[in-house]
Amino acid sequence: MEECVKYYYKDKNAPSITEPIGLGVVAIIKYKNKYLLEKRSDCHKWGFIGGEVRIEEDIISALRREVFEETRIEIDNYKIMGIFSNPGRRIQYLNGKVKRVVSIVFRVSIKSCKDIKISKESEKLAFFTKKEIGDLEIVETHIPIYKALNKREITIE
């Protein structure tokens, strides 16, 4: 079986952290009442668009870069949805290293998705209703983000 990156959320069997904490951004892209998700090539599960903030970047630059790299979509506007920092949010990479990740999540608006293009980080890009997302196998670290989609206040977890 192919080796995959493993994602954990509040899993008592998760491996111990071996790396410094990581900071990530996640974009909740809603278009015509559906949410854009990617089927990730690193684990073959679905997740929202996002990734790690580079050392030389500010948060919004990272958000714009990640959305563009993974979809070729330019962000129109953004608004913070939440900060997800539970210590049980962990990623185990193929080299065995384990990182705790904190994600800043934004609701992102776009003008159009006509130029959407898949990247090498994704197997597929697709739009789903919130109910349909509940039926998908999603990355474990995105489960609390999915559960917070309908909240009006900023989520701090």
Protein backbone atom coordinates (compact mmCIF):
# COMPACT_ATOMS: atom_id res chain seq x y z
CA MET A 1 0.00 0.00 0.00
CA GLU A 2 1.18 3.51 -0.84
CA GLU A 3 2.66 5.61 1.98
CA CYS A 4 0.51 8.60 2.89
CA VAL A 5 0.77 11.66 5.08
CA LYS A 6 -1.34 11.06 8.19
CA TYR A 7 -3.55 13.64 9.85
CA TYR A 8 -4.77 13.42 13.45
CA TYR A 9 -7.33 15.28 15.50
CA LYS A 10 -7.69 14.58 19.22
CA ASP A 11 -6.53 10.99 18.63
CA LYS A 12 -5.00 9.38 21.73
CA ASN A 13 -3.02 7.09 19.41
CA ALA A 14 -1.44 10.00 17.51
CA PRO A 15 2.37 9.97 17.46
CA SER A 16 4.35 12.39 19.62
CA ILE A 17 5.29 15.77 18.20
CA THR A 18 8.89 15.93 16.93
CA GLU A 19 8.97 19.31 15.12
CA PRO A 20 8.30 22.95 16.02
CA ILE A 21 4.70 24.09 15.74
CA GLY A 22 3.49 24.89 12.23
CA LEU A 23 1.24 27.75 11.15
CA GLY A 24 -1.20 27.25 8.32
CA VAL A 25 -3.98 29.06 6.49
CA VAL A 26 -7.22 27.56 5.23
CA ALA A 27 -9.61 29.13 2.73
CA ILE A 28 -13.33 28.40 2.91
CA ILE A 29 -14.37 29.14 -0.65
CA LYS A 30 -18.14 29.19 -1.07
CA TYR A 31 -19.55 29.73 -4.54
CA LYS A 32 -23.22 29.39 -5.43
CA ASN A 33 -23.97 27.77 -2.04
CA LYS A 34 -21.32 25.09 -2.43
CA TYR A 35 -17.85 24.77 -0.90
CA LEU A 36 -14.67 24.08 -2.85
CA LEU A 37 -12.62 21.15 -1.60
CA GLU A 38 -9.60 19.35 -2.95
CA LYS A 39 -8.91 15.65 -2.89
CA ARG A 40 -5.36 15.75 -1.58
CA SER A 41 -2.67 13.76 -3.37
CA ASP A 42 -0.68 13.27 -0.12
CA CYS A 43 -3.42 11.25 1.63
CA HIS A 44 -6.27 10.76 -0.87
CA LYS A 45 -8.75 12.51 1.45
CA TRP A 46 -10.76 15.67 0.93
CA GLY A 47 -9.92 18.99 2.55
CA PHE A 48 -10.40 22.69 2.24
CA ILE A 49 -7.84 24.69 0.30
CA GLY A 50 -4.81 25.80 2.31
CA GLY A 51 -1.30 25.15 3.46
CA GLU A 52 1.66 26.27 5.51
CA VAL A 53 2.69 29.88 6.02
CA ARG A 54 6.25 30.36 4.82
CA ILE A 55 8.77 32.01 7.13
CA GLU A 56 8.99 35.15 4.97
CA GLU A 57 5.22 35.57 4.50
CA ASP A 58 2.46 37.40 6.31
CA ILE A 59 -0.81 35.52 6.79
CA ILE A 60 -2.76 37.14 3.96
CA SER A 61 0.08 36.67 1.45
CA ALA A 62 0.13 32.98 2.39
CA LEU A 63 -3.66 32.75 1.98
CA ARG A 64 -3.54 34.34 -1.47
CA ARG A 65 -0.57 32.18 -2.54
CA GLU A 66 -2.06 28.90 -1.34
CA VAL A 67 -5.42 29.54 -3.01
CA PHE A 68 -3.75 30.55 -6.25
CA GLU A 69 -1.25 27.66 -6.25
CA GLU A 70 -3.91 25.05 -5.61
CA THR A 71 -6.74 26.44 -7.78
CA ARG A 72 -5.46 29.33 -9.96
CA ILE A 73 -8.25 31.42 -8.39
CA GLU A 74 -7.59 35.00 -7.27
CA ILE A 75 -9.15 35.96 -3.93
CA ASP A 76 -11.64 38.83 -4.04
CA ASN A 77 -12.25 39.35 -0.29
CA TYR A 78 -11.59 37.48 2.93
CA LYS A 79 -12.85 37.48 6.51
CA ILE A 80 -11.48 35.49 9.43
CA MET A 81 -13.65 32.52 10.39
CA GLY A 82 -11.54 31.09 13.18
CA ILE A 83 -8.30 29.93 14.70
CA PHE A 84 -7.92 26.19 15.18
CA SER A 85 -5.12 25.46 17.62
CA ASN A 86 -6.05 22.34 19.56
CA PRO A 87 -2.79 20.49 20.46
CA GLY A 88 -4.38 17.33 19.06
CA ARG A 89 -4.15 18.70 15.49
CA ARG A 90 -1.11 16.82 14.17
CA ILE A 91 0.41 15.84 10.85
CA GLN A 92 2.81 12.92 10.39
CA TYR A 93 4.88 13.35 7.24
CA LEU A 94 6.34 10.57 5.10
CA ASN A 95 9.77 11.06 6.73
CA GLY A 96 8.18 10.21 10.11
CA LYS A 97 8.36 13.74 11.50
CA VAL A 98 5.28 14.93 13.38
CA LYS A 99 4.15 18.53 13.60
CA ARG A 100 1.38 20.18 15.58
CA VAL A 101 -0.38 22.67 13.31
CA VAL A 102 -2.33 25.84 14.09
CA SER A 103 -4.62 26.99 11.28
CA ILE A 104 -6.09 30.41 10.71
CA VAL A 105 -9.24 29.91 8.66
CA PHE A 106 -10.77 32.53 6.39
CA ARG A 107 -14.06 32.78 4.54
CA VAL A 108 -12.97 33.77 1.05
CA SER A 109 -15.04 35.26 -1.73
CA ILE A 110 -14.17 34.95 -5.38
CA LYS A 111 -15.57 36.65 -8.45
CA SER A 112 -15.47 33.60 -10.66
CA CYS A 113 -14.23 30.05 -10.80
CA LYS A 114 -14.14 29.74 -14.59
CA ASP A 115 -10.33 29.58 -14.62
CA ILE A 116 -10.06 26.96 -11.87
CA LYS A 117 -7.16 24.59 -12.43
CA ILE A 118 -5.98 21.61 -10.42
CA SER A 119 -2.44 21.56 -8.98
CA LYS A 120 -0.06 18.65 -8.39
CA GLU A 121 -1.07 18.75 -4.70
CA SER A 122 -4.59 17.65 -5.63
CA GLU A 123 -6.18 14.67 -7.30
CA LYS A 124 -9.46 16.56 -7.81
CA LEU A 125 -11.17 19.87 -7.09
CA ALA A 126 -14.94 19.85 -6.60
CA PHE A 127 -17.78 21.86 -5.07
CA PHE A 128 -20.01 20.29 -2.41
CA THR A 129 -22.93 21.32 -0.23
CA LYS A 130 -22.31 21.23 3.52
CA LYS A 131 -24.40 18.04 3.73
CA GLU A 132 -22.35 16.39 0.96
CA ILE A 133 -19.10 17.25 2.77
CA GLY A 134 -20.40 15.30 5.76
CA ASP A 135 -20.43 12.18 3.59
CA LEU A 136 -16.83 12.58 2.41
CA GLU A 137 -13.67 11.21 3.96
CA ILE A 138 -12.06 14.48 4.97
CA VAL A 139 -8.65 15.23 6.46
CA GLU A 140 -8.94 14.84 10.23
CA THR A 141 -7.54 18.30 11.00
CA HIS A 142 -10.39 19.80 8.91
CA ILE A 143 -13.20 18.09 10.82
CA PRO A 144 -13.58 20.91 13.40
CA ILE A 145 -13.43 23.46 10.57
CA TYR A 146 -16.26 21.66 8.78
CA LYS A 147 -18.30 21.59 12.01
CA ALA A 148 -17.83 25.37 12.40
CA LEU A 149 -19.00 26.29 8.88
CA ASN A 150 -22.41 27.60 9.96
CA LYS A 151 -21.24 29.53 13.02
CA ARG A 152 -21.61 33.28 12.75
CA GLU A 153 -19.06 34.17 15.41
CA ILE A 154 -15.33 33.61 15.08
CA THR A 155 -14.34 30.14 16.29
CA ILE A 156 -11.34 29.84 18.59
CA GLU A 157 -10.48 26.21 19.26
